[in-house]
Amino acid sequence: MYLLYGMQFLLLLCAVGLLATPFVVNKNILSKNFLLASGFILVFSFTIYQFTTDKTALSYWLTQGKTHYQLQEQFNALGGIDGVIARVQAKLNANPTDAKGWWILAKLYAAKHDDAAAAAAVKKARELSP
């Protein structure tokens, strides 16, 4: 969460920096117009943030994103899609009457865009569990 706040702060600094460019070129960095414009940007940004932020939704999104990342890491640790397919095939070799396993294999092949293998796995799954 603090990373997000830090990024927002950096964006505000960039906005003020872009605003400061013409004042630096003209050597009027501490002029009244610059200070008023900078203050307006800061107050406006803070006000918009306070009225439009849903902290509960933001927290939920950040935690779900973390869970998704952890699942992706576990999936990659298994060898990616090819590694998972090999594991499911090994389970099906041990228990070829597992209809749920054939459905999972079909979905994995579909995700890999191997349509022929996916169709064969679906056919097998339908035979076992119509």
Protein backbone atom coordinates (compact mmCIF):
# COMPACT_ATOMS: atom_id res chain seq x y z
CA MET A 1 0.00 0.00 0.00
CA TYR A 2 2.89 2.32 0.83
CA LEU A 3 4.38 1.66 -2.58
CA LEU A 4 1.18 2.97 -4.16
CA TYR A 5 1.27 6.10 -2.02
CA GLY A 6 4.91 6.59 -2.89
CA MET A 7 4.11 6.36 -6.60
CA GLN A 8 1.33 8.94 -6.21
CA PHE A 9 3.74 11.24 -4.42
CA LEU A 10 6.28 10.84 -7.24
CA LEU A 11 3.59 11.67 -9.80
CA LEU A 12 2.77 14.84 -7.88
CA LEU A 13 6.45 15.79 -7.84
CA CYS A 14 6.61 15.22 -11.61
CA ALA A 15 3.57 17.44 -12.12
CA VAL A 16 5.13 20.23 -10.07
CA GLY A 17 8.44 19.70 -11.88
CA LEU A 18 6.76 20.06 -15.27
CA LEU A 19 5.00 23.16 -14.03
CA ALA A 20 8.33 24.56 -12.81
CA THR A 21 10.12 24.21 -16.16
CA PRO A 22 9.12 27.58 -17.66
CA PHE A 23 9.76 29.33 -14.34
CA VAL A 24 13.25 27.83 -14.08
CA VAL A 25 14.05 28.88 -17.64
CA ASN A 26 12.94 32.44 -16.89
CA LYS A 27 14.64 32.36 -13.45
CA ASN A 28 11.34 33.09 -11.65
CA ILE A 29 11.13 29.87 -9.64
CA LEU A 30 9.96 31.58 -6.45
CA SER A 31 7.46 33.83 -8.19
CA LYS A 32 3.94 34.27 -6.89
CA ASN A 33 2.39 32.58 -9.95
CA PHE A 34 4.51 29.44 -9.56
CA LEU A 35 3.74 29.10 -5.86
CA LEU A 36 0.01 29.58 -6.49
CA ALA A 37 -0.04 27.04 -9.34
CA SER A 38 1.96 24.49 -7.31
CA GLY A 39 -0.29 24.93 -4.31
CA PHE A 40 -3.37 24.54 -6.50
CA ILE A 41 -2.06 21.28 -8.01
CA LEU A 42 -1.27 19.84 -4.60
CA VAL A 43 -4.61 20.82 -3.02
CA PHE A 44 -6.60 19.75 -6.08
CA SER A 45 -4.85 16.36 -6.24
CA PHE A 46 -5.34 15.69 -2.55
CA THR A 47 -9.01 16.70 -2.72
CA ILE A 48 -9.71 14.47 -5.73
CA TYR A 49 -7.93 11.58 -4.02
CA GLN A 50 -9.95 11.97 -0.80
CA PHE A 51 -13.32 12.12 -2.56
CA THR A 52 -12.75 9.34 -5.10
CA THR A 53 -10.76 6.76 -3.16
CA ASP A 54 -12.41 3.57 -1.97
CA LYS A 55 -9.86 2.28 0.52
CA THR A 56 -11.72 -1.00 1.05
CA ALA A 57 -11.77 -1.77 -2.68
CA LEU A 58 -8.12 -0.76 -3.03
CA SER A 59 -7.10 -3.04 -0.16
CA TYR A 60 -9.12 -5.93 -1.64
CA TRP A 61 -7.52 -5.43 -5.05
CA LEU A 62 -4.03 -5.36 -3.57
CA THR A 63 -4.56 -8.56 -1.56
CA GLN A 64 -6.16 -10.41 -4.48
CA GLY A 65 -3.31 -9.31 -6.70
CA LYS A 66 -0.87 -10.77 -4.19
CA THR A 67 -2.78 -14.08 -4.13
CA HIS A 68 -2.81 -14.20 -7.93
CA TYR A 69 0.93 -13.56 -8.02
CA GLN A 70 1.56 -16.35 -5.49
CA LEU A 71 -0.54 -18.78 -7.54
CA GLN A 72 1.35 -17.80 -10.67
CA GLU A 73 4.65 -18.45 -8.89
CA GLN A 74 3.45 -21.91 -7.77
CA PHE A 75 2.28 -22.68 -11.32
CA ASN A 76 5.68 -21.68 -12.70
CA ALA A 77 7.42 -23.79 -10.05
CA LEU A 78 5.51 -26.82 -11.39
CA GLY A 79 7.04 -26.24 -14.81
CA GLY A 80 4.40 -24.00 -16.34
CA ILE A 81 1.64 -25.40 -18.49
CA ASP A 82 3.80 -28.23 -19.88
CA GLY A 83 4.83 -29.31 -16.40
CA VAL A 84 1.24 -29.33 -15.16
CA ILE A 85 0.11 -31.29 -18.24
CA ALA A 86 2.81 -33.89 -17.56
CA ARG A 87 1.68 -34.21 -13.92
CA VAL A 88 -1.99 -34.59 -14.88
CA GLN A 89 -1.09 -37.18 -17.52
CA ALA A 90 0.90 -39.12 -14.91
CA LYS A 91 -2.14 -39.09 -12.58
CA LEU A 92 -4.37 -40.24 -15.43
CA ASN A 93 -1.97 -43.06 -16.29
CA ALA A 94 -2.38 -44.26 -12.70
CA ASN A 95 -6.16 -43.77 -12.75
CA PRO A 96 -7.51 -43.62 -16.34
CA THR A 97 -11.16 -43.59 -15.19
CA ASP A 98 -10.89 -40.19 -13.49
CA ALA A 99 -13.33 -38.05 -15.51
CA LYS A 100 -12.45 -34.89 -13.59
CA GLY A 101 -8.78 -35.39 -14.47
CA TRP A 102 -9.66 -35.68 -18.16
CA TRP A 103 -11.66 -32.43 -17.95
CA ILE A 104 -8.70 -30.70 -16.32
CA LEU A 105 -6.39 -32.07 -19.01
CA ALA A 106 -8.77 -30.81 -21.71
CA LYS A 107 -8.75 -27.32 -20.19
CA LEU A 108 -4.96 -27.32 -20.01
CA TYR A 109 -4.67 -28.36 -23.66
CA ALA A 110 -7.20 -25.68 -24.63
CA ALA A 111 -5.14 -23.09 -22.76
CA LYS A 112 -2.10 -24.26 -24.70
CA HIS A 113 -4.11 -24.00 -27.97
CA ASP A 114 -3.66 -27.70 -28.70
CA ASP A 115 -7.18 -28.21 -30.05
CA ALA A 116 -6.79 -31.81 -31.19
CA ALA A 117 -5.50 -32.99 -27.80
CA ALA A 118 -8.16 -30.95 -26.00
CA ALA A 119 -10.91 -32.52 -28.12
CA ALA A 120 -9.56 -36.01 -27.41
CA ALA A 121 -9.48 -35.31 -23.66
CA VAL A 122 -13.05 -33.95 -23.75
CA LYS A 123 -14.18 -37.04 -25.65
CA LYS A 124 -12.60 -39.30 -23.02
CA ALA A 125 -14.13 -37.27 -20.17
CA ARG A 126 -17.60 -37.49 -21.75
CA GLU A 127 -17.25 -41.25 -22.13
CA LEU A 128 -16.43 -41.57 -18.43
CA SER A 129 -19.00 -39.06 -17.18
CA PRO A 130 -21.80 -38.27 -19.61
